[in-house]
Amino acid sequence: AVRLECVWCAVDAGRLVHPDGARNQIEGGVQQAASW
């Protein structure tokens, strides 16, 4: 059985208009990709 324990993520997105929105996009992408 395979289990994802932790993900570290470094992102350089340039100028951010909505920092929390960017965090949500990255965190959501990690979770969705893990599910896929």
PDB file of all heavy atoms in Angstrom:
ATOM      1  N   ALA A   1       0.835  -1.199   0.000  1.00  0.00           N
ATOM      2  CA  ALA A   1       0.000   0.000   0.000  1.00  0.00           C
ATOM      3  C   ALA A   1       0.870   1.249   0.000  1.00  0.00           C
ATOM      4  O   ALA A   1       1.804   1.366   0.792  1.00  0.00           O
ATOM      5  CB  ALA A   1      -0.922   0.001   1.215  1.00  0.00           C
ATOM      6  N   VAL A   2       0.560   2.184  -0.888  1.00  0.00           N
ATOM      7  CA  VAL A   2       1.332   3.417  -1.035  1.00  0.00           C
ATOM      8  C   VAL A   2       0.598   4.549  -0.329  1.00  0.00           C
ATOM      9  O   VAL A   2      -0.617   4.707  -0.467  1.00  0.00           O
ATOM     10  CB  VAL A   2       1.524   3.764  -2.523  1.00  0.00           C
ATOM     11  CG1 VAL A   2       2.257   5.094  -2.667  1.00  0.00           C
ATOM     12  CG2 VAL A   2       2.280   2.649  -3.229  1.00  0.00           C
ATOM     13  N   ARG A   3       1.335   5.345   0.431  1.00  0.00           N
ATOM     14  CA  ARG A   3       0.740   6.463   1.148  1.00  0.00           C
ATOM     15  C   ARG A   3       1.590   7.717   0.918  1.00  0.00           C
ATOM     16  O   ARG A   3       2.816   7.683   1.054  1.00  0.00           O
ATOM     17  CB  ARG A   3       0.662   6.159   2.644  1.00  0.00           C
ATOM     18  CG  ARG A   3       0.144   7.315   3.502  1.00  0.00           C
ATOM     19  CD  ARG A   3       0.127   6.942   4.974  1.00  0.00           C
ATOM     20  NE  ARG A   3      -0.188   8.087   5.819  1.00  0.00           N
ATOM     21  CZ  ARG A   3      -1.415   8.500   6.103  1.00  0.00           C
ATOM     22  NH1 ARG A   3      -2.456   7.851   5.603  1.00  0.00           N
ATOM     23  NH2 ARG A   3      -1.613   9.557   6.864  1.00  0.00           N
ATOM     24  N   LEU A   4       0.937   8.818   0.576  1.00  0.00           N
ATOM     25  CA  LEU A   4       1.619  10.102   0.461  1.00  0.00           C
ATOM     26  C   LEU A   4       1.699  10.716   1.846  1.00  0.00           C
ATOM     27  O   LEU A   4       0.684  11.022   2.464  1.00  0.00           O
ATOM     28  CB  LEU A   4       0.842  11.021  -0.493  1.00  0.00           C
ATOM     29  CG  LEU A   4       1.431  12.415  -0.706  1.00  0.00           C
ATOM     30  CD1 LEU A   4       2.797  12.344  -1.344  1.00  0.00           C
ATOM     31  CD2 LEU A   4       0.490  13.265  -1.558  1.00  0.00           C
ATOM     32  N   GLU A   5       2.913  10.932   2.341  1.00  0.00           N
ATOM     33  CA  GLU A   5       3.112  11.407   3.704  1.00  0.00           C
ATOM     34  C   GLU A   5       3.202  12.931   3.787  1.00  0.00           C
ATOM     35  O   GLU A   5       2.647  13.549   4.697  1.00  0.00           O
ATOM     36  CB  GLU A   5       4.392  10.795   4.285  1.00  0.00           C
ATOM     37  CG  GLU A   5       4.398   9.273   4.345  1.00  0.00           C
ATOM     38  CD  GLU A   5       3.489   8.732   5.437  1.00  0.00           C
ATOM     39  OE1 GLU A   5       3.022   9.521   6.274  1.00  0.00           O
ATOM     40  OE2 GLU A   5       3.253   7.499   5.450  1.00  0.00           O
ATOM     41  N   CYS A   6       3.908  13.528   2.854  1.00  0.00           N
ATOM     42  CA  CYS A   6       4.142  14.973   2.951  1.00  0.00           C
ATOM     43  C   CYS A   6       4.579  15.494   1.588  1.00  0.00           C
ATOM     44  O   CYS A   6       5.203  14.761   0.804  1.00  0.00           O
ATOM     45  CB  CYS A   6       5.226  15.264   3.997  1.00  0.00           C
ATOM     46  SG  CYS A   6       5.468  17.019   4.348  1.00  0.00           S
ATOM     47  N   VAL A   7       4.271  16.757   1.305  1.00  0.00           N
ATOM     48  CA  VAL A   7       4.733  17.413   0.082  1.00  0.00           C
ATOM     49  C   VAL A   7       5.299  18.778   0.452  1.00  0.00           C
ATOM     50  O   VAL A   7       4.663  19.543   1.180  1.00  0.00           O
ATOM     51  CB  VAL A   7       3.597  17.580  -0.946  1.00  0.00           C
ATOM     52  CG1 VAL A   7       4.095  18.370  -2.160  1.00  0.00           C
ATOM     53  CG2 VAL A   7       3.054  16.230  -1.389  1.00  0.00           C
ATOM     54  N   TRP A   8       6.504  19.071  -0.030  1.00  0.00           N
ATOM     55  CA  TRP A   8       7.098  20.399   0.100  1.00  0.00           C
ATOM     56  C   TRP A   8       7.055  21.057  -1.282  1.00  0.00           C
ATOM     57  O   TRP A   8       7.325  20.388  -2.289  1.00  0.00           O
ATOM     58  CB  TRP A   8       8.544  20.303   0.568  1.00  0.00           C
ATOM     59  CG  TRP A   8       8.708  19.747   1.946  1.00  0.00           C
ATOM     60  CD1 TRP A   8       8.779  20.446   3.120  1.00  0.00           C
ATOM     61  CD2 TRP A   8       8.848  18.365   2.308  1.00  0.00           C
ATOM     62  NE1 TRP A   8       8.937  19.590   4.182  1.00  0.00           N
ATOM     63  CE2 TRP A   8       8.982  18.304   3.717  1.00  0.00           C
ATOM     64  CE3 TRP A   8       8.866  17.167   1.572  1.00  0.00           C
ATOM     65  CZ2 TRP A   8       9.146  17.106   4.395  1.00  0.00           C
ATOM     66  CZ3 TRP A   8       9.013  15.975   2.249  1.00  0.00           C
ATOM     67  CH2 TRP A   8       9.156  15.939   3.648  1.00  0.00           C
ATOM     68  N   CYS A   9       6.747  22.322  -1.297  1.00  0.00           N
ATOM     69  CA  CYS A   9       6.511  22.983  -2.574  1.00  0.00           C
ATOM     70  C   CYS A   9       7.168  24.360  -2.571  1.00  0.00           C
ATOM     71  O   CYS A   9       6.907  25.166  -1.674  1.00  0.00           O
ATOM     72  CB  CYS A   9       5.010  23.109  -2.790  1.00  0.00           C
ATOM     73  SG  CYS A   9       4.557  23.557  -4.438  1.00  0.00           S
ATOM     74  N   ALA A  10       8.015  24.624  -3.549  1.00  0.00           N
ATOM     75  CA  ALA A  10       8.627  25.945  -3.729  1.00  0.00           C
ATOM     76  C   ALA A  10       8.101  26.536  -5.031  1.00  0.00           C
ATOM     77  O   ALA A  10       8.176  25.885  -6.079  1.00  0.00           O
ATOM     78  CB  ALA A  10      10.148  25.835  -3.774  1.00  0.00           C
ATOM     79  N   VAL A  11       7.552  27.752  -4.958  1.00  0.00           N
ATOM     80  CA  VAL A  11       6.883  28.353  -6.114  1.00  0.00           C
ATOM     81  C   VAL A  11       7.389  29.777  -6.317  1.00  0.00           C
ATOM     82  O   VAL A  11       7.462  30.558  -5.365  1.00  0.00           O
ATOM     83  CB  VAL A  11       5.351  28.389  -5.914  1.00  0.00           C
ATOM     84  CG1 VAL A  11       4.663  28.946  -7.157  1.00  0.00           C
ATOM     85  CG2 VAL A  11       4.821  27.012  -5.582  1.00  0.00           C
ATOM     86  N   ASP A  12       7.716  30.105  -7.546  1.00  0.00           N
ATOM     87  CA  ASP A  12       8.023  31.479  -7.944  1.00  0.00           C
ATOM     88  C   ASP A  12       7.012  31.848  -9.022  1.00  0.00           C
ATOM     89  O   ASP A  12       7.166  31.479 -10.184  1.00  0.00           O
ATOM     90  CB  ASP A  12       9.454  31.579  -8.468  1.00  0.00           C
ATOM     91  CG  ASP A  12       9.774  32.956  -9.045  1.00  0.00           C
ATOM     92  OD1 ASP A  12       8.909  33.855  -8.972  1.00  0.00           O
ATOM     93  OD2 ASP A  12      10.884  33.122  -9.588  1.00  0.00           O
ATOM     94  N   ALA A  13       5.948  32.555  -8.611  1.00  0.00           N
ATOM     95  CA  ALA A  13       4.868  32.915  -9.537  1.00  0.00           C
ATOM     96  C   ALA A  13       4.953  34.360  -9.986  1.00  0.00           C
ATOM     97  O   ALA A  13       4.039  34.860 -10.623  1.00  0.00           O
ATOM     98  CB  ALA A  13       3.515  32.656  -8.877  1.00  0.00           C
ATOM     99  N   GLY A  14       6.036  35.050  -9.638  1.00  0.00           N
ATOM    100  CA  GLY A  14       6.115  36.456  -9.989  1.00  0.00           C
ATOM    101  C   GLY A  14       5.246  37.288  -9.068  1.00  0.00           C
ATOM    102  O   GLY A  14       5.049  36.958  -7.897  1.00  0.00           O
ATOM    103  N   ARG A  15       4.700  38.367  -9.600  1.00  0.00           N
ATOM    104  CA  ARG A  15       3.884  39.259  -8.782  1.00  0.00           C
ATOM    105  C   ARG A  15       2.531  38.616  -8.480  1.00  0.00           C
ATOM    106  O   ARG A  15       1.832  38.176  -9.386  1.00  0.00           O
ATOM    107  CB  ARG A  15       3.665  40.580  -9.517  1.00  0.00           C
ATOM    108  CG  ARG A  15       2.897  41.592  -8.681  1.00  0.00           C
ATOM    109  CD  ARG A  15       2.710  42.886  -9.461  1.00  0.00           C
ATOM    110  NE  ARG A  15       2.130  43.906  -8.596  1.00  0.00           N
ATOM    111  CZ  ARG A  15       1.208  44.755  -8.988  1.00  0.00           C
ATOM    112  NH1 ARG A  15       0.746  44.701 -10.212  1.00  0.00           N
ATOM    113  NH2 ARG A  15       0.749  45.667  -8.166  1.00  0.00           N
ATOM    114  N   LEU A  16       2.158  38.581  -7.220  1.00  0.00           N
ATOM    115  CA  LEU A  16       0.901  37.970  -6.809  1.00  0.00           C
ATOM    116  C   LEU A  16      -0.146  39.043  -6.566  1.00  0.00           C
ATOM    117  O   LEU A  16       0.076  40.000  -5.831  1.00  0.00           O
ATOM    118  CB  LEU A  16       1.090  37.154  -5.529  1.00  0.00           C
ATOM    119  CG  LEU A  16       1.986  35.919  -5.643  1.00  0.00           C
ATOM    120  CD1 LEU A  16       2.092  35.239  -4.286  1.00  0.00           C
ATOM    121  CD2 LEU A  16       1.462  34.952  -6.680  1.00  0.00           C
ATOM    122  N   VAL A  17      -1.310  38.864  -7.164  1.00  0.00           N
ATOM    123  CA  VAL A  17      -2.442  39.762  -6.926  1.00  0.00           C
ATOM    124  C   VAL A  17      -3.171  39.355  -5.653  1.00  0.00           C
ATOM    125  O   VAL A  17      -3.621  40.188  -4.877  1.00  0.00           O
ATOM    126  CB  VAL A  17      -3.392  39.726  -8.139  1.00  0.00           C
ATOM    127  CG1 VAL A  17      -4.728  40.384  -7.809  1.00  0.00           C
ATOM    128  CG2 VAL A  17      -2.744  40.428  -9.326  1.00  0.00           C
ATOM    129  N   HIS A  18      -3.291  38.047  -5.447  1.00  0.00           N
ATOM    130  CA  HIS A  18      -4.054  37.524  -4.314  1.00  0.00           C
ATOM    131  C   HIS A  18      -3.257  36.368  -3.707  1.00  0.00           C
ATOM    132  O   HIS A  18      -3.429  35.209  -4.096  1.00  0.00           O
ATOM    133  CB  HIS A  18      -5.430  37.048  -4.796  1.00  0.00           C
ATOM    134  CG  HIS A  18      -6.324  36.562  -3.702  1.00  0.00           C
ATOM    135  ND1 HIS A  18      -7.336  35.665  -3.935  1.00  0.00           N
ATOM    136  CD2 HIS A  18      -6.367  36.844  -2.376  1.00  0.00           C
ATOM    137  CE1 HIS A  18      -7.965  35.412  -2.796  1.00  0.00           C
ATOM    138  NE2 HIS A  18      -7.393  36.115  -1.849  1.00  0.00           N
ATOM    139  N   PRO A  19      -2.350  36.645  -2.778  1.00  0.00           N
ATOM    140  CA  PRO A  19      -1.474  35.598  -2.245  1.00  0.00           C
ATOM    141  C   PRO A  19      -2.211  34.378  -1.708  1.00  0.00           C
ATOM    142  O   PRO A  19      -1.794  33.242  -1.937  1.00  0.00           O
ATOM    143  CB  PRO A  19      -0.696  36.328  -1.141  1.00  0.00           C
ATOM    144  CG  PRO A  19      -0.693  37.767  -1.570  1.00  0.00           C
ATOM    145  CD  PRO A  19      -2.026  37.980  -2.224  1.00  0.00           C
ATOM    146  N   ASP A  20      -3.313  34.608  -1.004  1.00  0.00           N
ATOM    147  CA  ASP A  20      -4.045  33.463  -0.463  1.00  0.00           C
ATOM    148  C   ASP A  20      -4.657  32.629  -1.581  1.00  0.00           C
ATOM    149  O   ASP A  20      -4.711  31.404  -1.498  1.00  0.00           O
ATOM    150  CB  ASP A  20      -5.137  33.942   0.501  1.00  0.00           C
ATOM    151  CG  ASP A  20      -5.786  32.789   1.248  1.00  0.00           C
ATOM    152  OD1 ASP A  20      -5.048  31.975   1.837  1.00  0.00           O
ATOM    153  OD2 ASP A  20      -7.027  32.686   1.233  1.00  0.00           O
ATOM    154  N   GLY A  21      -5.115  33.305  -2.643  1.00  0.00           N
ATOM    155  CA  GLY A  21      -5.640  32.569  -3.791  1.00  0.00           C
ATOM    156  C   GLY A  21      -4.571  31.715  -4.439  1.00  0.00           C
ATOM    157  O   GLY A  21      -4.823  30.578  -4.857  1.00  0.00           O
ATOM    158  N   ALA A  22      -3.338  32.246  -4.514  1.00  0.00           N
ATOM    159  CA  ALA A  22      -2.238  31.469  -5.079  1.00  0.00           C
ATOM    160  C   ALA A  22      -1.934  30.246  -4.208  1.00  0.00           C
ATOM    161  O   ALA A  22      -1.714  29.145  -4.719  1.00  0.00           O
ATOM    162  CB  ALA A  22      -0.996  32.345  -5.221  1.00  0.00           C
ATOM    163  N   ARG A  23      -1.923  30.439  -2.884  1.00  0.00           N
ATOM    164  CA  ARG A  23      -1.704  29.293  -1.983  1.00  0.00           C
ATOM    165  C   ARG A  23      -2.787  28.232  -2.188  1.00  0.00           C
ATOM    166  O   ARG A  23      -2.507  27.033  -2.227  1.00  0.00           O
ATOM    167  CB  ARG A  23      -1.722  29.758  -0.531  1.00  0.00           C
ATOM    168  CG  ARG A  23      -0.521  30.584  -0.114  1.00  0.00           C
ATOM    169  CD  ARG A  23      -0.523  30.828   1.391  1.00  0.00           C
ATOM    170  NE  ARG A  23       0.414  31.858   1.769  1.00  0.00           N
ATOM    171  CZ  ARG A  23       0.095  33.134   1.950  1.00  0.00           C
ATOM    172  NH1 ARG A  23      -1.154  33.527   1.797  1.00  0.00           N
ATOM    173  NH2 ARG A  23       1.019  34.019   2.279  1.00  0.00           N
ATOM    174  N   ASN A  24      -4.025  28.701  -2.294  1.00  0.00           N
ATOM    175  CA  ASN A  24      -5.116  27.738  -2.493  1.00  0.00           C
ATOM    176  C   ASN A  24      -4.946  26.956  -3.789  1.00  0.00           C
ATOM    177  O   ASN A  24      -5.219  25.748  -3.849  1.00  0.00           O
ATOM    178  CB  ASN A  24      -6.459  28.470  -2.511  1.00  0.00           C
ATOM    179  CG  ASN A  24      -6.852  28.996  -1.154  1.00  0.00           C
ATOM    180  OD1 ASN A  24      -6.387  28.506  -0.134  1.00  0.00           O
ATOM    181  ND2 ASN A  24      -7.694  30.011  -1.121  1.00  0.00           N
ATOM    182  N   GLN A  25      -4.518  27.642  -4.850  1.00  0.00           N
ATOM    183  CA  GLN A  25      -4.308  26.956  -6.126  1.00  0.00           C
ATOM    184  C   GLN A  25      -3.224  25.887  -6.000  1.00  0.00           C
ATOM    185  O   GLN A  25      -3.392  24.762  -6.499  1.00  0.00           O
ATOM    186  CB  GLN A  25      -3.896  27.979  -7.188  1.00  0.00           C
ATOM    187  CG  GLN A  25      -5.034  28.832  -7.707  1.00  0.00           C
ATOM    188  CD  GLN A  25      -5.939  28.060  -8.647  1.00  0.00           C
ATOM    189  OE1 GLN A  25      -5.479  27.415  -9.585  1.00  0.00           O
ATOM    190  NE2 GLN A  25      -7.231  28.102  -8.392  1.00  0.00           N
ATOM    191  N   ILE A  26      -2.121  26.230  -5.335  1.00  0.00           N
ATOM    192  CA  ILE A  26      -1.015  25.272  -5.205  1.00  0.00           C
ATOM    193  C   ILE A  26      -1.417  24.102  -4.310  1.00  0.00           C
ATOM    194  O   ILE A  26      -1.215  22.926  -4.650  1.00  0.00           O
ATOM    195  CB  ILE A  26       0.232  25.975  -4.648  1.00  0.00           C
ATOM    196  CG1 ILE A  26       0.705  27.073  -5.614  1.00  0.00           C
ATOM    197  CG2 ILE A  26       1.349  24.965  -4.406  1.00  0.00           C
ATOM    198  CD1 ILE A  26       1.037  26.597  -6.997  1.00  0.00           C
ATOM    199  N   GLU A  27      -1.998  24.407  -3.161  1.00  0.00           N
ATOM    200  CA  GLU A  27      -2.395  23.334  -2.240  1.00  0.00           C
ATOM    201  C   GLU A  27      -3.469  22.449  -2.864  1.00  0.00           C
ATOM    202  O   GLU A  27      -3.435  21.214  -2.737  1.00  0.00           O
ATOM    203  CB  GLU A  27      -2.886  23.943  -0.930  1.00  0.00           C
ATOM    204  CG  GLU A  27      -1.769  24.626  -0.135  1.00  0.00           C
ATOM    205  CD  GLU A  27      -2.289  25.459   1.027  1.00  0.00           C
ATOM    206  OE1 GLU A  27      -3.526  25.476   1.240  1.00  0.00           O
ATOM    207  OE2 GLU A  27      -1.474  26.096   1.723  1.00  0.00           O
ATOM    208  N   GLY A  28      -4.429  23.071  -3.547  1.00  0.00           N
ATOM    209  CA  GLY A  28      -5.463  22.283  -4.215  1.00  0.00           C
ATOM    210  C   GLY A  28      -4.888  21.429  -5.329  1.00  0.00           C
ATOM    211  O   GLY A  28      -5.308  20.283  -5.530  1.00  0.00           O
ATOM    212  N   GLY A  29      -3.911  21.976  -6.051  1.00  0.00           N
ATOM    213  CA  GLY A  29      -3.277  21.193  -7.106  1.00  0.00           C
ATOM    214  C   GLY A  29      -2.538  19.986  -6.559  1.00  0.00           C
ATOM    215  O   GLY A  29      -2.586  18.898  -7.141  1.00  0.00           O
ATOM    216  N   VAL A  30      -1.867  20.155  -5.437  1.00  0.00           N
ATOM    217  CA  VAL A  30      -1.157  19.032  -4.810  1.00  0.00           C
ATOM    218  C   VAL A  30      -2.150  17.932  -4.427  1.00  0.00           C
ATOM    219  O   VAL A  30      -1.938  16.744  -4.716  1.00  0.00           O
ATOM    220  CB  VAL A  30      -0.376  19.510  -3.572  1.00  0.00           C
ATOM    221  CG1 VAL A  30       0.105  18.319  -2.742  1.00  0.00           C
ATOM    222  CG2 VAL A  30       0.805  20.375  -3.994  1.00  0.00           C
ATOM    223  N   GLN A  31      -3.237  18.335  -3.787  1.00  0.00           N
ATOM    224  CA  GLN A  31      -4.224  17.334  -3.352  1.00  0.00           C
ATOM    225  C   GLN A  31      -4.885  16.650  -4.543  1.00  0.00           C
ATOM    226  O   GLN A  31      -5.091  15.431  -4.547  1.00  0.00           O
ATOM    227  CB  GLN A  31      -5.271  18.010  -2.475  1.00  0.00           C
ATOM    228  CG  GLN A  31      -4.716  18.535  -1.163  1.00  0.00           C
ATOM    229  CD  GLN A  31      -5.769  19.224  -0.330  1.00  0.00           C
ATOM    230  OE1 GLN A  31      -6.743  18.616   0.071  1.00  0.00           O
ATOM    231  NE2 GLN A  31      -5.570  20.514  -0.068  1.00  0.00           N
ATOM    232  N   GLN A  32      -5.238  17.446  -5.562  1.00  0.00           N
ATOM    233  CA  GLN A  32      -5.918  16.853  -6.715  1.00  0.00           C
ATOM    234  C   GLN A  32      -4.990  15.908  -7.472  1.00  0.00           C
ATOM    235  O   GLN A  32      -5.395  14.815  -7.885  1.00  0.00           O
ATOM    236  CB  GLN A  32      -6.441  17.955  -7.636  1.00  0.00           C
ATOM    237  CG  GLN A  32      -7.400  17.434  -8.695  1.00  0.00           C
ATOM    238  CD  GLN A  32      -8.114  18.548  -9.435  1.00  0.00           C
ATOM    239  OE1 GLN A  32      -7.635  19.669  -9.530  1.00  0.00           O
ATOM    240  NE2 GLN A  32      -9.285  18.245  -9.971  1.00  0.00           N
ATOM    241  N   ALA A  33      -3.731  16.317  -7.648  1.00  0.00           N
ATOM    242  CA  ALA A  33      -2.791  15.447  -8.353  1.00  0.00           C
ATOM    243  C   ALA A  33      -2.532  14.158  -7.576  1.00  0.00           C
ATOM    244  O   ALA A  33      -2.375  13.086  -8.169  1.00  0.00           O
ATOM    245  CB  ALA A  33      -1.483  16.197  -8.597  1.00  0.00           C
ATOM    246  N   ALA A  34      -2.491  14.255  -6.248  1.00  0.00           N
ATOM    247  CA  ALA A  34      -2.317  13.042  -5.442  1.00  0.00           C
ATOM    248  C   ALA A  34      -3.495  12.101  -5.635  1.00  0.00           C
ATOM    249  O   ALA A  34      -3.329  10.873  -5.737  1.00  0.00           O
ATOM    250  CB  ALA A  34      -2.172  13.421  -3.969  1.00  0.00           C
ATOM    251  N   SER A  35      -4.686  12.673  -5.712  1.00  0.00           N
ATOM    252  CA  SER A  35      -5.879  11.851  -5.935  1.00  0.00           C
ATOM    253  C   SER A  35      -5.846  11.204  -7.317  1.00  0.00           C
ATOM    254  O   SER A  35      -6.144  10.015  -7.469  1.00  0.00           O
ATOM    255  CB  SER A  35      -7.135  12.719  -5.785  1.00  0.00           C
ATOM    256  OG  SER A  35      -8.302  11.963  -5.989  1.00  0.00           O
ATOM    257  N   TRP A  36      -5.492  11.992  -8.360  1.00  0.00           N
ATOM    258  CA  TRP A  36      -5.373  11.406  -9.701  1.00  0.00           C
ATOM    259  C   TRP A  36      -4.414  10.221  -9.691  1.00  0.00           C
ATOM    260  O   TRP A  36      -4.687   9.174 -10.279  1.00  0.00           O
ATOM    261  CB  TRP A  36      -4.801  12.429 -10.681  1.00  0.00           C
ATOM    262  CG  TRP A  36      -5.645  13.626 -10.963  1.00  0.00           C
ATOM    263  CD1 TRP A  36      -6.976  13.786 -10.711  1.00  0.00           C
ATOM    264  CD2 TRP A  36      -5.198  14.856 -11.561  1.00  0.00           C
ATOM    265  NE1 TRP A  36      -7.380  15.037 -11.107  1.00  0.00           N
ATOM    266  CE2 TRP A  36      -6.321  15.707 -11.633  1.00  0.00           C
ATOM    267  CE3 TRP A  36      -3.968  15.309 -12.027  1.00  0.00           C
ATOM    268  CZ2 TRP A  36      -6.231  17.001 -12.173  1.00  0.00           C
ATOM    269  CZ3 TRP A  36      -3.887  16.577 -12.564  1.00  0.00           C
ATOM    270  CH2 TRP A  36      -5.001  17.414 -12.638  1.00  0.00           C
TER     271      TRP A  36
END
